[in-house]
Amino acid sequence: MTISQTTTRKDYIASAGQDEFAYDWKIIVATDIAVVKNNVLLSASDYSVSNVGVVTGGNVTLNSAASANDKVSLFLNMPITRTTDYTNSGTFLATTVNDDFDK
């Protein structure tokens, strides 16, 4: 199985009124992505995340649009955990393994 290398950070200089910022990596749940605006970590209630679980990523939409030249950073903030226990002689489905290794 190949483990791919992915950049999991995007930095933006916003234009006035910009509220949507793209990310291009897979997240398992919306809280796996962190958003920093002008060096302040935003809470999950300050934005919404689209395409959770999609390999190609999606968008973060701020509830309050950015001002011109605001610095916005998106980055993967996923806890590293093992969520699946495999049993001897049990099923070993590729989708289960892939989701576990994504985490």
PDB file of N, CA and C in Angstrom:
ATOM      1  N   MET A   1       0.850  -1.172   0.000  1.00  0.00           N
ATOM      2  CA  MET A   1       0.000   0.000   0.000  1.00  0.00           C
ATOM      3  C   MET A   1       0.893   1.232   0.000  1.00  0.00           C
ATOM      4  N   THR A   2       0.617   2.159  -0.862  1.00  0.00           N
ATOM      5  CA  THR A   2       1.366   3.393  -0.956  1.00  0.00           C
ATOM      6  C   THR A   2       0.786   4.427  -0.004  1.00  0.00           C
ATOM      7  N   ILE A   3       1.649   5.086   0.729  1.00  0.00           N
ATOM      8  CA  ILE A   3       1.218   6.186   1.581  1.00  0.00           C
ATOM      9  C   ILE A   3       1.665   7.468   0.898  1.00  0.00           C
ATOM     10  N   SER A   4       0.690   8.285   0.515  1.00  0.00           N
ATOM     11  CA  SER A   4       1.014   9.485  -0.240  1.00  0.00           C
ATOM     12  C   SER A   4       1.377  10.638   0.682  1.00  0.00           C
ATOM     13  N   GLN A   5       2.165  11.548   0.146  1.00  0.00           N
ATOM     14  CA  GLN A   5       2.544  12.744   0.885  1.00  0.00           C
ATOM     15  C   GLN A   5       1.624  13.876   0.451  1.00  0.00           C
ATOM     16  N   THR A   6       1.028  14.558   1.402  1.00  0.00           N
ATOM     17  CA  THR A   6       0.101  15.633   1.105  1.00  0.00           C
ATOM     18  C   THR A   6       0.440  16.839   1.952  1.00  0.00           C
ATOM     19  N   THR A   7       0.433  18.015   1.351  1.00  0.00           N
ATOM     20  CA  THR A   7       0.600  19.245   2.108  1.00  0.00           C
ATOM     21  C   THR A   7      -0.736  19.569   2.748  1.00  0.00           C
ATOM     22  N   THR A   8      -0.728  19.781   4.049  1.00  0.00           N
ATOM     23  CA  THR A   8      -1.979  19.972   4.775  1.00  0.00           C
ATOM     24  C   THR A   8      -2.025  21.353   5.431  1.00  0.00           C
ATOM     25  N   ARG A   9      -1.615  22.350   4.679  1.00  0.00           N
ATOM     26  CA  ARG A   9      -1.690  23.739   5.132  1.00  0.00           C
ATOM     27  C   ARG A   9      -1.864  24.637   3.917  1.00  0.00           C
ATOM     28  N   LYS A  10      -2.708  25.625   4.059  1.00  0.00           N
ATOM     29  CA  LYS A  10      -2.917  26.639   3.022  1.00  0.00           C
ATOM     30  C   LYS A  10      -2.889  28.002   3.691  1.00  0.00           C
ATOM     31  N   ASP A  11      -2.128  28.926   3.124  1.00  0.00           N
ATOM     32  CA  ASP A  11      -2.054  30.295   3.621  1.00  0.00           C
ATOM     33  C   ASP A  11      -2.596  31.243   2.562  1.00  0.00           C
ATOM     34  N   TYR A  12      -3.402  32.179   2.995  1.00  0.00           N
ATOM     35  CA  TYR A  12      -4.043  33.131   2.088  1.00  0.00           C
ATOM     36  C   TYR A  12      -3.870  34.557   2.599  1.00  0.00           C
ATOM     37  N   ILE A  13      -3.798  35.498   1.665  1.00  0.00           N
ATOM     38  CA  ILE A  13      -3.965  36.926   1.943  1.00  0.00           C
ATOM     39  C   ILE A  13      -5.319  37.257   1.324  1.00  0.00           C
ATOM     40  N   ALA A  14      -6.282  37.585   2.167  1.00  0.00           N
ATOM     41  CA  ALA A  14      -7.663  37.754   1.717  1.00  0.00           C
ATOM     42  C   ALA A  14      -7.869  39.073   0.983  1.00  0.00           C
ATOM     43  N   SER A  15      -8.839  39.053   0.116  1.00  0.00           N
ATOM     44  CA  SER A  15      -9.320  40.296  -0.490  1.00  0.00           C
ATOM     45  C   SER A  15     -10.524  40.769   0.321  1.00  0.00           C
ATOM     46  N   ALA A  16     -10.892  42.016   0.175  1.00  0.00           N
ATOM     47  CA  ALA A  16     -12.011  42.571   0.946  1.00  0.00           C
ATOM     48  C   ALA A  16     -13.280  41.782   0.657  1.00  0.00           C
ATOM     49  N   GLY A  17     -13.951  41.340   1.704  1.00  0.00           N
ATOM     50  CA  GLY A  17     -15.204  40.610   1.556  1.00  0.00           C
ATOM     51  C   GLY A  17     -15.067  39.130   1.268  1.00  0.00           C
ATOM     52  N   GLN A  18     -13.846  38.632   1.146  1.00  0.00           N
ATOM     53  CA  GLN A  18     -13.656  37.204   0.858  1.00  0.00           C
ATOM     54  C   GLN A  18     -14.059  36.382   2.076  1.00  0.00           C
ATOM     55  N   ASP A  19     -14.875  35.354   1.843  1.00  0.00           N
ATOM     56  CA  ASP A  19     -15.293  34.510   2.956  1.00  0.00           C
ATOM     57  C   ASP A  19     -15.048  33.025   2.706  1.00  0.00           C
ATOM     58  N   GLU A  20     -14.580  32.663   1.514  1.00  0.00           N
ATOM     59  CA  GLU A  20     -14.380  31.255   1.170  1.00  0.00           C
ATOM     60  C   GLU A  20     -12.915  30.984   0.855  1.00  0.00           C
ATOM     61  N   PHE A  21     -12.393  29.915   1.463  1.00  0.00           N
ATOM     62  CA  PHE A  21     -10.991  29.547   1.307  1.00  0.00           C
ATOM     63  C   PHE A  21     -10.920  28.042   1.098  1.00  0.00           C
ATOM     64  N   ALA A  22     -10.184  27.620   0.093  1.00  0.00           N
ATOM     65  CA  ALA A  22     -10.125  26.203  -0.291  1.00  0.00           C
ATOM     66  C   ALA A  22      -9.045  25.448   0.472  1.00  0.00           C
ATOM     67  N   TYR A  23      -9.338  24.178   0.742  1.00  0.00           N
ATOM     68  CA  TYR A  23      -8.332  23.240   1.229  1.00  0.00           C
ATOM     69  C   TYR A  23      -8.386  22.032   0.291  1.00  0.00           C
ATOM     70  N   ASP A  24      -7.259  21.332   0.124  1.00  0.00           N
ATOM     71  CA  ASP A  24      -7.219  20.260  -0.874  1.00  0.00           C
ATOM     72  C   ASP A  24      -6.701  18.929  -0.313  1.00  0.00           C
ATOM     73  N   TRP A  25      -7.103  18.637   0.917  1.00  0.00           N
ATOM     74  CA  TRP A  25      -6.769  17.352   1.518  1.00  0.00           C
ATOM     75  C   TRP A  25      -8.010  16.807   2.220  1.00  0.00           C
ATOM     76  N   LYS A  26      -7.989  15.529   2.502  1.00  0.00           N
ATOM     77  CA  LYS A  26      -9.132  14.878   3.133  1.00  0.00           C
ATOM     78  C   LYS A  26      -9.134  15.120   4.641  1.00  0.00           C
ATOM     79  N   ILE A  27     -10.305  15.452   5.168  1.00  0.00           N
ATOM     80  CA  ILE A  27     -10.512  15.484   6.608  1.00  0.00           C
ATOM     81  C   ILE A  27     -11.634  14.497   6.925  1.00  0.00           C
ATOM     82  N   ILE A  28     -11.579  13.906   8.104  1.00  0.00           N
ATOM     83  CA  ILE A  28     -12.572  12.901   8.484  1.00  0.00           C
ATOM     84  C   ILE A  28     -13.808  13.559   9.094  1.00  0.00           C
ATOM     85  N   VAL A  29     -13.601  14.570   9.932  1.00  0.00           N
ATOM     86  CA  VAL A  29     -14.687  15.356  10.531  1.00  0.00           C
ATOM     87  C   VAL A  29     -14.314  16.835  10.422  1.00  0.00           C
ATOM     88  N   ALA A  30     -15.304  17.711  10.484  1.00  0.00           N
ATOM     89  CA  ALA A  30     -15.069  19.153  10.289  1.00  0.00           C
ATOM     90  C   ALA A  30     -14.061  19.721  11.290  1.00  0.00           C
ATOM     91  N   THR A  31     -14.004  19.163  12.470  1.00  0.00           N
ATOM     92  CA  THR A  31     -13.069  19.680  13.475  1.00  0.00           C
ATOM     93  C   THR A  31     -11.621  19.270  13.220  1.00  0.00           C
ATOM     94  N   ASP A  32     -11.365  18.511  12.159  1.00  0.00           N
ATOM     95  CA  ASP A  32      -9.994  18.138  11.795  1.00  0.00           C
ATOM     96  C   ASP A  32      -9.259  19.264  11.085  1.00  0.00           C
ATOM     97  N   ILE A  33      -9.938  20.361  10.817  1.00  0.00           N
ATOM     98  CA  ILE A  33      -9.295  21.496  10.167  1.00  0.00           C
ATOM     99  C   ILE A  33      -9.351  22.689  11.121  1.00  0.00           C
ATOM    100  N   ALA A  34      -8.242  23.407  11.220  1.00  0.00           N
ATOM    101  CA  ALA A  34      -8.179  24.601  12.063  1.00  0.00           C
ATOM    102  C   ALA A  34      -8.033  25.819  11.157  1.00  0.00           C
ATOM    103  N   VAL A  35      -8.602  26.928  11.601  1.00  0.00           N
ATOM    104  CA  VAL A  35      -8.560  28.171  10.835  1.00  0.00           C
ATOM    105  C   VAL A  35      -7.980  29.268  11.719  1.00  0.00           C
ATOM    106  N   VAL A  36      -6.957  29.944  11.205  1.00  0.00           N
ATOM    107  CA  VAL A  36      -6.323  31.052  11.914  1.00  0.00           C
ATOM    108  C   VAL A  36      -6.477  32.293  11.044  1.00  0.00           C
ATOM    109  N   LYS A  37      -6.981  33.354  11.647  1.00  0.00           N
ATOM    110  CA  LYS A  37      -7.151  34.630  10.931  1.00  0.00           C
ATOM    111  C   LYS A  37      -6.387  35.699  11.696  1.00  0.00           C
ATOM    112  N   ASN A  38      -5.413  36.292  11.045  1.00  0.00           N
ATOM    113  CA  ASN A  38      -4.564  37.317  11.663  1.00  0.00           C
ATOM    114  C   ASN A  38      -3.996  36.851  13.003  1.00  0.00           C
ATOM    115  N   ASN A  39      -3.432  35.636  12.983  1.00  0.00           N
ATOM    116  CA  ASN A  39      -2.775  35.028  14.146  1.00  0.00           C
ATOM    117  C   ASN A  39      -3.718  34.704  15.303  1.00  0.00           C
ATOM    118  N   VAL A  40      -5.013  34.637  15.046  1.00  0.00           N
ATOM    119  CA  VAL A  40      -5.992  34.262  16.073  1.00  0.00           C
ATOM    120  C   VAL A  40      -6.698  32.980  15.609  1.00  0.00           C
ATOM    121  N   LEU A  41      -6.652  31.954  16.449  1.00  0.00           N
ATOM    122  CA  LEU A  41      -7.325  30.705  16.142  1.00  0.00           C
ATOM    123  C   LEU A  41      -8.830  30.909  16.263  1.00  0.00           C
ATOM    124  N   LEU A  42      -9.567  30.644  15.192  1.00  0.00           N
ATOM    125  CA  LEU A  42     -11.019  30.788  15.203  1.00  0.00           C
ATOM    126  C   LEU A  42     -11.660  29.546  15.811  1.00  0.00           C
ATOM    127  N   SER A  43     -12.812  29.711  16.393  1.00  0.00           N
ATOM    128  CA  SER A  43     -13.537  28.554  16.918  1.00  0.00           C
ATOM    129  C   SER A  43     -14.377  27.964  15.787  1.00  0.00           C
ATOM    130  N   ALA A  44     -14.767  26.713  15.954  1.00  0.00           N
ATOM    131  CA  ALA A  44     -15.541  26.020  14.919  1.00  0.00           C
ATOM    132  C   ALA A  44     -16.860  26.719  14.627  1.00  0.00           C
ATOM    133  N   SER A  45     -17.359  27.522  15.545  1.00  0.00           N
ATOM    134  CA  SER A  45     -18.616  28.246  15.310  1.00  0.00           C
ATOM    135  C   SER A  45     -18.420  29.490  14.436  1.00  0.00           C
ATOM    136  N   ASP A  46     -17.160  29.826  14.117  1.00  0.00           N
ATOM    137  CA  ASP A  46     -16.867  31.005  13.290  1.00  0.00           C
ATOM    138  C   ASP A  46     -16.833  30.701  11.795  1.00  0.00           C
ATOM    139  N   TYR A  47     -16.948  29.432  11.426  1.00  0.00           N
ATOM    140  CA  TYR A  47     -16.857  29.048  10.015  1.00  0.00           C
ATOM    141  C   TYR A  47     -17.554  27.715   9.799  1.00  0.00           C
ATOM    142  N   SER A  48     -17.780  27.403   8.524  1.00  0.00           N
ATOM    143  CA  SER A  48     -18.321  26.097   8.162  1.00  0.00           C
ATOM    144  C   SER A  48     -17.362  25.426   7.194  1.00  0.00           C
ATOM    145  N   VAL A  49     -17.432  24.111   7.137  1.00  0.00           N
ATOM    146  CA  VAL A  49     -16.523  23.317   6.308  1.00  0.00           C
ATOM    147  C   VAL A  49     -17.343  22.467   5.355  1.00  0.00           C
ATOM    148  N   SER A  50     -16.994  22.503   4.066  1.00  0.00           N
ATOM    149  CA  SER A  50     -17.682  21.672   3.075  1.00  0.00           C
ATOM    150  C   SER A  50     -16.818  20.473   2.700  1.00  0.00           C
ATOM    151  N   ASN A  51     -17.472  19.467   2.155  1.00  0.00           N
ATOM    152  CA  ASN A  51     -16.817  18.272   1.596  1.00  0.00           C
ATOM    153  C   ASN A  51     -16.018  17.468   2.611  1.00  0.00           C
ATOM    154  N   VAL A  52     -16.527  17.357   3.823  1.00  0.00           N
ATOM    155  CA  VAL A  52     -15.884  16.514   4.829  1.00  0.00           C
ATOM    156  C   VAL A  52     -15.874  15.074   4.316  1.00  0.00           C
ATOM    157  N   GLY A  53     -14.710  14.427   4.397  1.00  0.00           N
ATOM    158  CA  GLY A  53     -14.566  13.048   3.942  1.00  0.00           C
ATOM    159  C   GLY A  53     -14.222  12.892   2.477  1.00  0.00           C
ATOM    160  N   VAL A  54     -14.106  13.992   1.749  1.00  0.00           N
ATOM    161  CA  VAL A  54     -13.791  13.952   0.324  1.00  0.00           C
ATOM    162  C   VAL A  54     -12.279  14.080   0.144  1.00  0.00           C
ATOM    163  N   VAL A  55     -11.692  13.167  -0.615  1.00  0.00           N
ATOM    164  CA  VAL A  55     -10.238  13.115  -0.794  1.00  0.00           C
ATOM    165  C   VAL A  55      -9.679  14.421  -1.354  1.00  0.00           C
ATOM    166  N   THR A  56     -10.409  15.076  -2.244  1.00  0.00           N
ATOM    167  CA  THR A  56      -9.908  16.285  -2.901  1.00  0.00           C
ATOM    168  C   THR A  56     -10.132  17.559  -2.092  1.00  0.00           C
ATOM    169  N   GLY A  57     -10.737  17.451  -0.904  1.00  0.00           N
ATOM    170  CA  GLY A  57     -10.922  18.616  -0.052  1.00  0.00           C
ATOM    171  C   GLY A  57     -12.196  19.375  -0.335  1.00  0.00           C
ATOM    172  N   GLY A  58     -12.221  20.630   0.086  1.00  0.00           N
ATOM    173  CA  GLY A  58     -13.415  21.456  -0.058  1.00  0.00           C
ATOM    174  C   GLY A  58     -13.113  22.888   0.295  1.00  0.00           C
ATOM    175  N   ASN A  59     -14.060  23.547   0.955  1.00  0.00           N
ATOM    176  CA  ASN A  59     -13.911  24.950   1.304  1.00  0.00           C
ATOM    177  C   ASN A  59     -14.249  25.199   2.756  1.00  0.00           C
ATOM    178  N   VAL A  60     -13.591  26.201   3.303  1.00  0.00           N
ATOM    179  CA  VAL A  60     -13.944  26.751   4.606  1.00  0.00           C
ATOM    180  C   VAL A  60     -14.613  28.085   4.310  1.00  0.00           C
ATOM    181  N   THR A  61     -15.797  28.298   4.856  1.00  0.00           N
ATOM    182  CA  THR A  61     -16.519  29.556   4.660  1.00  0.00           C
ATOM    183  C   THR A  61     -16.642  30.255   6.002  1.00  0.00           C
ATOM    184  N   LEU A  62     -16.071  31.456   6.073  1.00  0.00           N
ATOM    185  CA  LEU A  62     -16.138  32.245   7.299  1.00  0.00           C
ATOM    186  C   LEU A  62     -17.526  32.835   7.469  1.00  0.00           C
ATOM    187  N   ASN A  63     -18.009  32.888   8.698  1.00  0.00           N
ATOM    188  CA  ASN A  63     -19.304  33.512   8.966  1.00  0.00           C
ATOM    189  C   ASN A  63     -19.242  35.024   8.772  1.00  0.00           C
ATOM    190  N   SER A  64     -18.096  35.617   9.084  1.00  0.00           N
ATOM    191  CA  SER A  64     -17.865  37.047   8.863  1.00  0.00           C
ATOM    192  C   SER A  64     -16.731  37.175   7.860  1.00  0.00           C
ATOM    193  N   ALA A  65     -17.005  37.807   6.750  1.00  0.00           N
ATOM    194  CA  ALA A  65     -16.012  37.916   5.676  1.00  0.00           C
ATOM    195  C   ALA A  65     -14.743  38.625   6.152  1.00  0.00           C
ATOM    196  N   ALA A  66     -13.653  38.277   5.525  1.00  0.00           N
ATOM    197  CA  ALA A  66     -12.362  38.875   5.840  1.00  0.00           C
ATOM    198  C   ALA A  66     -12.265  40.282   5.249  1.00  0.00           C
ATOM    199  N   SER A  67     -11.358  41.051   5.795  1.00  0.00           N
ATOM    200  CA  SER A  67     -11.034  42.372   5.251  1.00  0.00           C
ATOM    201  C   SER A  67      -9.849  42.223   4.314  1.00  0.00           C
ATOM    202  N   ALA A  68      -9.598  43.247   3.521  1.00  0.00           N
ATOM    203  CA  ALA A  68      -8.453  43.226   2.612  1.00  0.00           C
ATOM    204  C   ALA A  68      -7.168  43.020   3.417  1.00  0.00           C
ATOM    205  N   ASN A  69      -6.322  42.139   2.916  1.00  0.00           N
ATOM    206  CA  ASN A  69      -5.008  41.824   3.480  1.00  0.00           C
ATOM    207  C   ASN A  69      -5.039  41.051   4.794  1.00  0.00           C
ATOM    208  N   ASP A  70      -6.204  40.542   5.206  1.00  0.00           N
ATOM    209  CA  ASP A  70      -6.225  39.639   6.351  1.00  0.00           C
ATOM    210  C   ASP A  70      -5.443  38.389   5.990  1.00  0.00           C
ATOM    211  N   LYS A  71      -4.722  37.842   6.946  1.00  0.00           N
ATOM    212  CA  LYS A  71      -3.990  36.599   6.744  1.00  0.00           C
ATOM    213  C   LYS A  71      -4.855  35.460   7.281  1.00  0.00           C
ATOM    214  N   VAL A  72      -5.161  34.512   6.408  1.00  0.00           N
ATOM    215  CA  VAL A  72      -5.984  33.363   6.784  1.00  0.00           C
ATOM    216  C   VAL A  72      -5.187  32.093   6.488  1.00  0.00           C
ATOM    217  N   SER A  73      -5.089  31.237   7.486  1.00  0.00           N
ATOM    218  CA  SER A  73      -4.393  29.964   7.316  1.00  0.00           C
ATOM    219  C   SER A  73      -5.329  28.823   7.688  1.00  0.00           C
ATOM    220  N   LEU A  74      -5.301  27.793   6.883  1.00  0.00           N
ATOM    221  CA  LEU A  74      -6.041  26.564   7.142  1.00  0.00           C
ATOM    222  C   LEU A  74      -5.008  25.470   7.331  1.00  0.00           C
ATOM    223  N   PHE A  75      -5.189  24.635   8.326  1.00  0.00           N
ATOM    224  CA  PHE A  75      -4.258  23.517   8.480  1.00  0.00           C
ATOM    225  C   PHE A  75      -4.927  22.329   9.136  1.00  0.00           C
ATOM    226  N   LEU A  76      -4.383  21.172   8.835  1.00  0.00           N
ATOM    227  CA  LEU A  76      -4.874  19.933   9.414  1.00  0.00           C
ATOM    228  C   LEU A  76      -4.575  19.932  10.905  1.00  0.00           C
ATOM    229  N   ASN A  77      -5.588  19.680  11.695  1.00  0.00           N
ATOM    230  CA  ASN A  77      -5.438  19.654  13.149  1.00  0.00           C
ATOM    231  C   ASN A  77      -6.128  18.395  13.679  1.00  0.00           C
ATOM    232  N   MET A  78      -5.738  17.282  13.114  1.00  0.00           N
ATOM    233  CA  MET A  78      -6.357  15.997  13.417  1.00  0.00           C
ATOM    234  C   MET A  78      -5.571  15.278  14.504  1.00  0.00           C
ATOM    235  N   PRO A  79      -6.256  14.853  15.552  1.00  0.00           N
ATOM    236  CA  PRO A  79      -5.535  14.058  16.553  1.00  0.00           C
ATOM    237  C   PRO A  79      -5.110  12.721  15.940  1.00  0.00           C
ATOM    238  N   ILE A  80      -3.937  12.281  16.284  1.00  0.00           N
ATOM    239  CA  ILE A  80      -3.448  11.009  15.764  1.00  0.00           C
ATOM    240  C   ILE A  80      -3.927   9.913  16.702  1.00  0.00           C
ATOM    241  N   THR A  81      -4.854   9.116  16.200  1.00  0.00           N
ATOM    242  CA  THR A  81      -5.449   8.064  17.011  1.00  0.00           C
ATOM    243  C   THR A  81      -5.632   6.812  16.172  1.00  0.00           C
ATOM    244  N   ARG A  82      -5.809   5.743  16.836  1.00  0.00           N
ATOM    245  CA  ARG A  82      -6.189   4.499  16.167  1.00  0.00           C
ATOM    246  C   ARG A  82      -7.594   4.178  16.642  1.00  0.00           C
ATOM    247  N   THR A  83      -8.533   4.167  15.722  1.00  0.00           N
ATOM    248  CA  THR A  83      -9.938   4.034  16.098  1.00  0.00           C
ATOM    249  C   THR A  83     -10.516   2.652  15.813  1.00  0.00           C
ATOM    250  N   THR A  84      -9.728   1.787  15.209  1.00  0.00           N
ATOM    251  CA  THR A  84     -10.237   0.477  14.818  1.00  0.00           C
ATOM    252  C   THR A  84      -9.375  -0.620  15.429  1.00  0.00           C
ATOM    253  N   ASP A  85     -10.027  -1.619  15.990  1.00  0.00           N
ATOM    254  CA  ASP A  85      -9.333  -2.818  16.444  1.00  0.00           C
ATOM    255  C   ASP A  85      -9.597  -3.916  15.426  1.00  0.00           C
ATOM    256  N   TYR A  86      -8.544  -4.571  14.978  1.00  0.00           N
ATOM    257  CA  TYR A  86      -8.686  -5.660  14.024  1.00  0.00           C
ATOM    258  C   TYR A  86      -8.651  -6.978  14.782  1.00  0.00           C
ATOM    259  N   THR A  87      -9.489  -7.905  14.393  1.00  0.00           N
ATOM    260  CA  THR A  87      -9.547  -9.192  15.082  1.00  0.00           C
ATOM    261  C   THR A  87      -8.939 -10.282  14.212  1.00  0.00           C
ATOM    262  N   ASN A  88      -8.367 -11.285  14.867  1.00  0.00           N
ATOM    263  CA  ASN A  88      -7.850 -12.442  14.141  1.00  0.00           C
ATOM    264  C   ASN A  88      -8.998 -13.123  13.406  1.00  0.00           C
ATOM    265  N   SER A  89      -8.763 -13.457  12.171  1.00  0.00           N
ATOM    266  CA  SER A  89      -9.734 -14.150  11.325  1.00  0.00           C
ATOM    267  C   SER A  89     -10.999 -13.331  11.091  1.00  0.00           C
ATOM    268  N   GLY A  90     -10.936 -12.033  11.317  1.00  0.00           N
ATOM    269  CA  GLY A  90     -12.089 -11.161  11.068  1.00  0.00           C
ATOM    270  C   GLY A  90     -12.023 -10.578   9.667  1.00  0.00           C
ATOM    271  N   THR A  91     -13.008  -9.751   9.337  1.00  0.00           N
ATOM    272  CA  THR A  91     -12.995  -9.104   8.027  1.00  0.00           C
ATOM    273  C   THR A  91     -11.922  -8.023   8.015  1.00  0.00           C
ATOM    274  N   PHE A  92     -11.322  -7.848   6.888  1.00  0.00           N
ATOM    275  CA  PHE A  92     -10.235  -6.889   6.724  1.00  0.00           C
ATOM    276  C   PHE A  92     -10.523  -6.103   5.445  1.00  0.00           C
ATOM    277  N   LEU A  93     -11.501  -5.231   5.516  1.00  0.00           N
ATOM    278  CA  LEU A  93     -11.954  -4.493   4.341  1.00  0.00           C
ATOM    279  C   LEU A  93     -11.038  -3.304   4.047  1.00  0.00           C
ATOM    280  N   ALA A  94     -10.766  -3.099   2.788  1.00  0.00           N
ATOM    281  CA  ALA A  94      -9.886  -2.001   2.380  1.00  0.00           C
ATOM    282  C   ALA A  94     -10.409  -0.652   2.860  1.00  0.00           C
ATOM    283  N   THR A  95     -11.722  -0.425   2.795  1.00  0.00           N
ATOM    284  CA  THR A  95     -12.271   0.863   3.223  1.00  0.00           C
ATOM    285  C   THR A  95     -12.025   1.099   4.710  1.00  0.00           C
ATOM    286  N   THR A  96     -12.122   0.063   5.511  1.00  0.00           N
ATOM    287  CA  THR A  96     -11.869   0.202   6.946  1.00  0.00           C
ATOM    288  C   THR A  96     -10.407   0.528   7.196  1.00  0.00           C
ATOM    289  N   VAL A  97      -9.522  -0.179   6.535  1.00  0.00           N
ATOM    290  CA  VAL A  97      -8.098   0.055   6.704  1.00  0.00           C
ATOM    291  C   VAL A  97      -7.719   1.442   6.210  1.00  0.00           C
ATOM    292  N   ASN A  98      -8.224   1.840   5.059  1.00  0.00           N
ATOM    293  CA  ASN A  98      -7.897   3.153   4.522  1.00  0.00           C
ATOM    294  C   ASN A  98      -8.350   4.272   5.453  1.00  0.00           C
ATOM    295  N   ASP A  99      -9.563   4.180   5.973  1.00  0.00           N
ATOM    296  CA  ASP A  99     -10.048   5.208   6.905  1.00  0.00           C
ATOM    297  C   ASP A  99      -9.209   5.236   8.174  1.00  0.00           C
ATOM    298  N   ASP A 100      -8.812   4.081   8.672  1.00  0.00           N
ATOM    299  CA  ASP A 100      -7.988   4.017   9.872  1.00  0.00           C
ATOM    300  C   ASP A 100      -6.626   4.649   9.607  1.00  0.00           C
ATOM    301  N   PHE A 101      -6.017   4.351   8.472  1.00  0.00           N
ATOM    302  CA  PHE A 101      -4.703   4.917   8.162  1.00  0.00           C
ATOM    303  C   PHE A 101      -4.791   6.404   7.836  1.00  0.00           C
ATOM    304  N   ASP A 102      -5.926   6.871   7.316  1.00  0.00           N
ATOM    305  CA  ASP A 102      -6.094   8.309   7.090  1.00  0.00           C
ATOM    306  C   ASP A 102      -6.041   9.068   8.403  1.00  0.00           C
ATOM    307  N   LYS A 103      -6.515   8.461   9.448  1.00  0.00           N
ATOM    308  CA  LYS A 103      -6.543   9.080  10.759  1.00  0.00           C
ATOM    309  C   LYS A 103      -5.164   9.020  11.370  1.00  0.00           C
TER     310      LYS A 103
END
